[in-house]
Amino acid sequence: MVENIVYIGTDTRYVVCLTDKAKIVIRRQNINPFHLNQYAIGEKVKVNIPVENISVLEENLSEKERVKLVKYSYN
């Protein structure tokens, strides 16, 4: 479900709730003006992202641990 939408000029940032405890922030380039206002807050959406475009960030992890986590996520 779309929780928040922020237009930032060249991009639009979407905060999407995947579960009660997991959220994802999606940045979409505003290349096509028809994409603006395509989604609304509260709307259910499907997220399909190629694994090579995902960065996993965990709080309280060192940079080395984050790199390991991201590499692990790609495999």
C-alpha atoms as a PDB file:
ATOM      1  CA  MET A   1       0.000   0.000   0.000  1.00  0.00           C
ATOM      2  CA  VAL A   2       1.283   3.487  -0.842  1.00  0.00           C
ATOM      3  CA  GLU A   3       1.918   5.300   2.443  1.00  0.00           C
ATOM      4  CA  ASN A   4       3.458   8.541   1.183  1.00  0.00           C
ATOM      5  CA  ILE A   5       4.231  10.305  -2.100  1.00  0.00           C
ATOM      6  CA  VAL A   6       6.721  13.163  -2.455  1.00  0.00           C
ATOM      7  CA  TYR A   7       7.303  14.967  -5.757  1.00  0.00           C
ATOM      8  CA  ILE A   8      10.924  16.171  -5.849  1.00  0.00           C
ATOM      9  CA  GLY A   9      11.210  17.716  -9.309  1.00  0.00           C
ATOM     10  CA  THR A  10      12.985  15.185 -11.505  1.00  0.00           C
ATOM     11  CA  ASP A  11      11.723  12.263  -9.404  1.00  0.00           C
ATOM     12  CA  THR A  12       8.805  11.133  -7.287  1.00  0.00           C
ATOM     13  CA  ARG A  13       9.485   9.239  -4.060  1.00  0.00           C
ATOM     14  CA  TYR A  14       6.989   6.611  -2.921  1.00  0.00           C
ATOM     15  CA  VAL A  15       6.956   4.960   0.502  1.00  0.00           C
ATOM     16  CA  VAL A  16       5.235   1.591   0.121  1.00  0.00           C
ATOM     17  CA  CYS A  17       4.279  -0.693   3.025  1.00  0.00           C
ATOM     18  CA  LEU A  18       5.074  -4.302   2.174  1.00  0.00           C
ATOM     19  CA  THR A  19       3.998  -5.678   5.558  1.00  0.00           C
ATOM     20  CA  ASP A  20       3.199  -4.226   8.976  1.00  0.00           C
ATOM     21  CA  LYS A  21       6.946  -4.089   9.727  1.00  0.00           C
ATOM     22  CA  ALA A  22       8.526  -3.666   6.275  1.00  0.00           C
ATOM     23  CA  LYS A  23       8.513  -0.597   4.058  1.00  0.00           C
ATOM     24  CA  ILE A  24      10.292   0.198   0.831  1.00  0.00           C
ATOM     25  CA  VAL A  25      11.197   3.604  -0.574  1.00  0.00           C
ATOM     26  CA  ILE A  26      10.921   3.799  -4.351  1.00  0.00           C
ATOM     27  CA  ARG A  27      12.329   6.644  -6.430  1.00  0.00           C
ATOM     28  CA  ARG A  28      10.810   6.974  -9.885  1.00  0.00           C
ATOM     29  CA  GLN A  29      12.100   9.390 -12.508  1.00  0.00           C
ATOM     30  CA  ASN A  30       9.488  11.806 -13.841  1.00  0.00           C
ATOM     31  CA  ILE A  31      10.248  11.069 -17.499  1.00  0.00           C
ATOM     32  CA  ASN A  32       6.653  10.744 -18.660  1.00  0.00           C
ATOM     33  CA  PRO A  33       4.171  13.421 -17.456  1.00  0.00           C
ATOM     34  CA  PHE A  34       1.399  10.792 -17.549  1.00  0.00           C
ATOM     35  CA  HIS A  35       3.122   8.963 -14.670  1.00  0.00           C
ATOM     36  CA  LEU A  36       2.484  11.904 -12.329  1.00  0.00           C
ATOM     37  CA  ASN A  37      -0.505  11.231 -10.068  1.00  0.00           C
ATOM     38  CA  GLN A  38      -0.564   7.612 -11.259  1.00  0.00           C
ATOM     39  CA  TYR A  39      -0.788   6.314  -7.690  1.00  0.00           C
ATOM     40  CA  ALA A  40      -2.618   7.623  -4.635  1.00  0.00           C
ATOM     41  CA  ILE A  41      -1.888   7.385  -0.921  1.00  0.00           C
ATOM     42  CA  GLY A  42      -3.671   4.326   0.449  1.00  0.00           C
ATOM     43  CA  GLU A  43      -3.717   2.557  -2.922  1.00  0.00           C
ATOM     44  CA  LYS A  44      -2.630  -1.085  -3.035  1.00  0.00           C
ATOM     45  CA  VAL A  45       0.211  -1.624  -5.502  1.00  0.00           C
ATOM     46  CA  LYS A  46       2.453  -4.444  -6.686  1.00  0.00           C
ATOM     47  CA  VAL A  47       6.217  -3.928  -6.543  1.00  0.00           C
ATOM     48  CA  ASN A  48       8.464  -5.694  -9.055  1.00  0.00           C
ATOM     49  CA  ILE A  49      12.147  -4.720  -8.872  1.00  0.00           C
ATOM     50  CA  PRO A  50      15.145  -6.409 -10.527  1.00  0.00           C
ATOM     51  CA  VAL A  51      17.410  -7.678  -7.744  1.00  0.00           C
ATOM     52  CA  GLU A  52      20.420  -5.722  -9.084  1.00  0.00           C
ATOM     53  CA  ASN A  53      18.532  -2.478  -8.395  1.00  0.00           C
ATOM     54  CA  ILE A  54      17.931  -3.183  -4.696  1.00  0.00           C
ATOM     55  CA  SER A  55      20.002  -1.745  -1.848  1.00  0.00           C
ATOM     56  CA  VAL A  56      19.315  -3.189   1.592  1.00  0.00           C
ATOM     57  CA  LEU A  57      19.955  -0.832   4.497  1.00  0.00           C
ATOM     58  CA  GLU A  58      19.779  -2.072   8.057  1.00  0.00           C
ATOM     59  CA  GLU A  59      20.019   0.140  11.114  1.00  0.00           C
ATOM     60  CA  ASN A  60      22.909  -0.428  13.529  1.00  0.00           C
ATOM     61  CA  LEU A  61      25.107  -2.264  11.009  1.00  0.00           C
ATOM     62  CA  SER A  62      28.642  -1.302  10.086  1.00  0.00           C
ATOM     63  CA  GLU A  63      29.448  -0.469   6.448  1.00  0.00           C
ATOM     64  CA  LYS A  64      31.217  -3.836   6.103  1.00  0.00           C
ATOM     65  CA  GLU A  65      28.142  -5.681   7.387  1.00  0.00           C
ATOM     66  CA  ARG A  66      25.886  -3.725   4.999  1.00  0.00           C
ATOM     67  CA  VAL A  67      28.060  -4.669   2.020  1.00  0.00           C
ATOM     68  CA  LYS A  68      27.853  -8.338   3.032  1.00  0.00           C
ATOM     69  CA  LEU A  69      24.077  -8.085   3.406  1.00  0.00           C
ATOM     70  CA  VAL A  70      23.632  -6.487  -0.021  1.00  0.00           C
ATOM     71  CA  LYS A  71      25.930  -9.038  -1.689  1.00  0.00           C
ATOM     72  CA  TYR A  72      24.010 -11.834   0.009  1.00  0.00           C
ATOM     73  CA  SER A  73      20.701 -10.348  -1.180  1.00  0.00           C
ATOM     74  CA  TYR A  74      21.859 -10.491  -4.811  1.00  0.00           C
ATOM     75  CA  ASN A  75      22.689 -14.205  -4.722  1.00  0.00           C
END
